Amino acid sequence: MDDKFYRVQSLYEAAFLLVKGYKLAGKENNGAKVTLLFNASNNLIKDSLHFYNGGEAGAKELFDAYRTLKDYVFTK
């Protein structure tokens, strides 16, 4: 396991992180599942927990980020 990356399998969590300003670093294809990679940092981990604890993000930005990630996941 590479601690350089924070791995996310939830498109919703990844969209939240994109809205918060974190940049996508890539993806890993694991059979039927895709894992999205972000560069690991203490602030990113805190914001990820913020997502699961009811953090807020703008609705339009969140939906735009979700659609972008969905397109990215299905590209080869």
N, C-alpha and C. Protein backbone atom coordinates (compact mmCIF):
# COMPACT_ATOMS: atom_id res chain seq x y z
N MET A 1 0.84 -1.19 0.00
CA MET A 1 0.00 0.00 0.00
C MET A 1 0.88 1.24 0.00
N ASP A 2 0.55 2.18 -0.82
CA ASP A 2 1.33 3.39 -1.00
C ASP A 2 0.66 4.54 -0.23
N ASP A 3 1.32 5.05 0.82
CA ASP A 3 0.75 6.12 1.64
C ASP A 3 0.79 7.47 0.94
N LYS A 4 1.35 7.52 -0.25
CA LYS A 4 1.42 8.76 -1.01
C LYS A 4 0.04 9.21 -1.46
N PHE A 5 -0.87 8.25 -1.61
CA PHE A 5 -2.21 8.55 -2.12
C PHE A 5 -3.28 8.23 -1.08
N TYR A 6 -4.33 9.03 -1.12
CA TYR A 6 -5.55 8.76 -0.37
C TYR A 6 -6.50 8.13 -1.37
N ARG A 7 -6.99 6.95 -1.08
CA ARG A 7 -7.82 6.20 -2.01
C ARG A 7 -9.30 6.32 -1.64
N VAL A 8 -10.12 6.54 -2.66
CA VAL A 8 -11.55 6.75 -2.46
C VAL A 8 -12.31 5.89 -3.46
N GLN A 9 -13.30 5.14 -2.97
CA GLN A 9 -14.16 4.37 -3.88
C GLN A 9 -15.55 4.97 -4.00
N SER A 10 -15.87 5.92 -3.16
CA SER A 10 -17.17 6.58 -3.21
C SER A 10 -17.10 7.81 -4.12
N LEU A 11 -17.92 7.82 -5.17
CA LEU A 11 -17.95 8.99 -6.06
C LEU A 11 -18.43 10.23 -5.30
N TYR A 12 -19.32 10.04 -4.34
CA TYR A 12 -19.83 11.18 -3.57
C TYR A 12 -18.74 11.82 -2.72
N GLU A 13 -17.96 10.99 -2.05
CA GLU A 13 -16.84 11.51 -1.24
C GLU A 13 -15.82 12.19 -2.15
N ALA A 14 -15.50 11.56 -3.27
CA ALA A 14 -14.52 12.14 -4.20
C ALA A 14 -15.02 13.47 -4.75
N ALA A 15 -16.32 13.56 -5.07
CA ALA A 15 -16.88 14.82 -5.58
C ALA A 15 -16.77 15.90 -4.51
N PHE A 16 -17.04 15.55 -3.27
CA PHE A 16 -16.91 16.50 -2.16
C PHE A 16 -15.48 17.02 -2.06
N LEU A 17 -14.51 16.11 -2.17
CA LEU A 17 -13.10 16.51 -2.08
C LEU A 17 -12.72 17.42 -3.25
N LEU A 18 -13.23 17.13 -4.45
CA LEU A 18 -12.96 18.01 -5.60
C LEU A 18 -13.51 19.41 -5.34
N VAL A 19 -14.73 19.48 -4.82
CA VAL A 19 -15.34 20.78 -4.53
C VAL A 19 -14.52 21.53 -3.49
N LYS A 20 -13.92 20.81 -2.55
CA LYS A 20 -13.10 21.44 -1.52
C LYS A 20 -11.72 21.86 -2.04
N GLY A 21 -11.45 21.55 -3.32
CA GLY A 21 -10.22 22.04 -3.93
C GLY A 21 -9.10 21.03 -4.10
N TYR A 22 -9.32 19.79 -3.72
CA TYR A 22 -8.29 18.77 -3.88
C TYR A 22 -8.27 18.28 -5.32
N LYS A 23 -7.10 17.99 -5.82
CA LYS A 23 -6.91 17.57 -7.21
C LYS A 23 -6.84 16.05 -7.30
N LEU A 24 -7.49 15.52 -8.29
CA LEU A 24 -7.46 14.09 -8.55
C LEU A 24 -6.08 13.72 -9.08
N ALA A 25 -5.49 12.65 -8.54
CA ALA A 25 -4.14 12.24 -8.94
C ALA A 25 -4.16 11.05 -9.89
N GLY A 26 -5.31 10.40 -10.05
CA GLY A 26 -5.39 9.26 -10.95
C GLY A 26 -6.45 8.28 -10.49
N LYS A 27 -6.40 7.09 -11.08
CA LYS A 27 -7.35 6.04 -10.70
C LYS A 27 -6.68 4.69 -10.84
N GLU A 28 -7.21 3.73 -10.11
CA GLU A 28 -6.77 2.34 -10.20
C GLU A 28 -7.98 1.50 -10.55
N ASN A 29 -7.85 0.67 -11.56
CA ASN A 29 -8.92 -0.26 -11.92
C ASN A 29 -8.68 -1.58 -11.22
N ASN A 30 -9.65 -1.98 -10.40
CA ASN A 30 -9.55 -3.24 -9.66
C ASN A 30 -10.70 -4.15 -10.09
N GLY A 31 -10.61 -4.67 -11.29
CA GLY A 31 -11.71 -5.48 -11.80
C GLY A 31 -12.91 -4.60 -12.09
N ALA A 32 -14.00 -4.84 -11.37
CA ALA A 32 -15.23 -4.08 -11.58
C ALA A 32 -15.23 -2.77 -10.80
N LYS A 33 -14.31 -2.61 -9.86
CA LYS A 33 -14.27 -1.40 -9.03
C LYS A 33 -13.15 -0.47 -9.48
N VAL A 34 -13.40 0.81 -9.34
CA VAL A 34 -12.40 1.82 -9.63
C VAL A 34 -12.12 2.59 -8.34
N THR A 35 -10.86 2.77 -8.03
CA THR A 35 -10.45 3.55 -6.87
C THR A 35 -9.86 4.86 -7.38
N LEU A 36 -10.36 5.96 -6.86
CA LEU A 36 -9.86 7.28 -7.24
C LEU A 36 -8.75 7.68 -6.27
N LEU A 37 -7.71 8.29 -6.81
CA LEU A 37 -6.53 8.65 -6.01
C LEU A 37 -6.41 10.16 -5.86
N PHE A 38 -6.16 10.57 -4.65
CA PHE A 38 -5.83 11.96 -4.33
C PHE A 38 -4.49 11.95 -3.63
N ASN A 39 -3.69 13.01 -3.79
CA ASN A 39 -2.44 13.10 -3.04
C ASN A 39 -2.78 13.23 -1.56
N ALA A 40 -2.21 12.35 -0.75
CA ALA A 40 -2.51 12.31 0.68
C ALA A 40 -1.99 13.55 1.40
N SER A 41 -2.80 14.05 2.32
CA SER A 41 -2.39 15.14 3.20
C SER A 41 -3.28 15.11 4.44
N ASN A 42 -2.80 15.70 5.52
CA ASN A 42 -3.59 15.72 6.75
C ASN A 42 -4.91 16.48 6.54
N ASN A 43 -4.87 17.58 5.79
CA ASN A 43 -6.08 18.35 5.56
C ASN A 43 -7.09 17.57 4.74
N LEU A 44 -6.63 16.80 3.78
CA LEU A 44 -7.54 16.00 2.96
C LEU A 44 -8.25 14.97 3.83
N ILE A 45 -7.53 14.33 4.72
CA ILE A 45 -8.12 13.33 5.60
C ILE A 45 -9.15 13.98 6.52
N LYS A 46 -8.86 15.16 7.02
CA LYS A 46 -9.81 15.90 7.85
C LYS A 46 -11.06 16.25 7.05
N ASP A 47 -10.89 16.69 5.81
CA ASP A 47 -12.04 17.03 4.98
C ASP A 47 -12.85 15.79 4.59
N SER A 48 -12.19 14.67 4.44
CA SER A 48 -12.90 13.43 4.17
C SER A 48 -13.79 13.07 5.36
N LEU A 49 -13.28 13.20 6.56
CA LEU A 49 -14.09 12.97 7.76
C LEU A 49 -15.21 13.99 7.85
N HIS A 50 -14.93 15.22 7.44
CA HIS A 50 -15.95 16.28 7.43
C HIS A 50 -17.11 15.87 6.52
N PHE A 51 -16.81 15.25 5.39
CA PHE A 51 -17.85 14.75 4.48
C PHE A 51 -18.76 13.77 5.21
N TYR A 52 -18.16 12.81 5.92
CA TYR A 52 -18.95 11.78 6.59
C TYR A 52 -19.67 12.31 7.83
N ASN A 53 -19.27 13.47 8.31
CA ASN A 53 -19.92 14.08 9.47
C ASN A 53 -20.87 15.21 9.07
N GLY A 54 -21.33 15.20 7.83
CA GLY A 54 -22.33 16.16 7.40
C GLY A 54 -21.79 17.48 6.87
N GLY A 55 -20.58 17.46 6.35
CA GLY A 55 -19.98 18.67 5.79
C GLY A 55 -20.82 19.23 4.65
N GLU A 56 -20.70 20.50 4.42
CA GLU A 56 -21.50 21.16 3.40
C GLU A 56 -20.66 21.51 2.17
N ALA A 57 -21.34 21.47 1.04
CA ALA A 57 -20.74 21.90 -0.23
C ALA A 57 -21.88 22.42 -1.09
N GLY A 58 -21.56 23.32 -2.01
CA GLY A 58 -22.57 23.86 -2.90
C GLY A 58 -23.15 22.77 -3.79
N ALA A 59 -24.47 22.77 -3.93
CA ALA A 59 -25.16 21.72 -4.68
C ALA A 59 -24.70 21.67 -6.14
N LYS A 60 -24.65 22.79 -6.83
CA LYS A 60 -24.26 22.80 -8.24
C LYS A 60 -22.83 22.30 -8.40
N GLU A 61 -21.93 22.79 -7.56
CA GLU A 61 -20.53 22.36 -7.65
C GLU A 61 -20.40 20.86 -7.37
N LEU A 62 -21.17 20.38 -6.40
CA LEU A 62 -21.11 18.96 -6.05
C LEU A 62 -21.61 18.09 -7.20
N PHE A 63 -22.73 18.47 -7.81
CA PHE A 63 -23.26 17.69 -8.94
C PHE A 63 -22.33 17.76 -10.15
N ASP A 64 -21.74 18.92 -10.41
CA ASP A 64 -20.79 19.05 -11.52
C ASP A 64 -19.58 18.14 -11.30
N ALA A 65 -19.05 18.15 -10.07
CA ALA A 65 -17.90 17.31 -9.75
C ALA A 65 -18.26 15.83 -9.86
N TYR A 66 -19.45 15.47 -9.42
CA TYR A 66 -19.91 14.07 -9.51
C TYR A 66 -19.96 13.62 -10.97
N ARG A 67 -20.56 14.44 -11.83
CA ARG A 67 -20.65 14.08 -13.25
C ARG A 67 -19.26 13.97 -13.89
N THR A 68 -18.36 14.87 -13.53
CA THR A 68 -16.99 14.82 -14.04
C THR A 68 -16.31 13.53 -13.64
N LEU A 69 -16.44 13.16 -12.37
CA LEU A 69 -15.82 11.93 -11.89
C LEU A 69 -16.44 10.69 -12.53
N LYS A 70 -17.75 10.70 -12.71
CA LYS A 70 -18.43 9.57 -13.34
C LYS A 70 -17.90 9.38 -14.77
N ASP A 71 -17.75 10.46 -15.51
CA ASP A 71 -17.17 10.38 -16.85
C ASP A 71 -15.74 9.83 -16.80
N TYR A 72 -14.95 10.32 -15.84
CA TYR A 72 -13.56 9.90 -15.71
C TYR A 72 -13.46 8.40 -15.37
N VAL A 73 -14.33 7.92 -14.50
CA VAL A 73 -14.30 6.52 -14.10
C VAL A 73 -14.57 5.60 -15.29
N PHE A 74 -15.46 6.02 -16.20
CA PHE A 74 -15.83 5.15 -17.31
C PHE A 74 -14.96 5.34 -18.55
N THR A 75 -13.95 6.20 -18.50
CA THR A 75 -13.00 6.31 -19.62
C THR A 75 -11.93 5.24 -19.42
N LYS A 76 -11.43 4.76 -20.53
CA LYS A 76 -10.40 3.71 -20.44
C LYS A 76 -9.03 4.28 -20.47
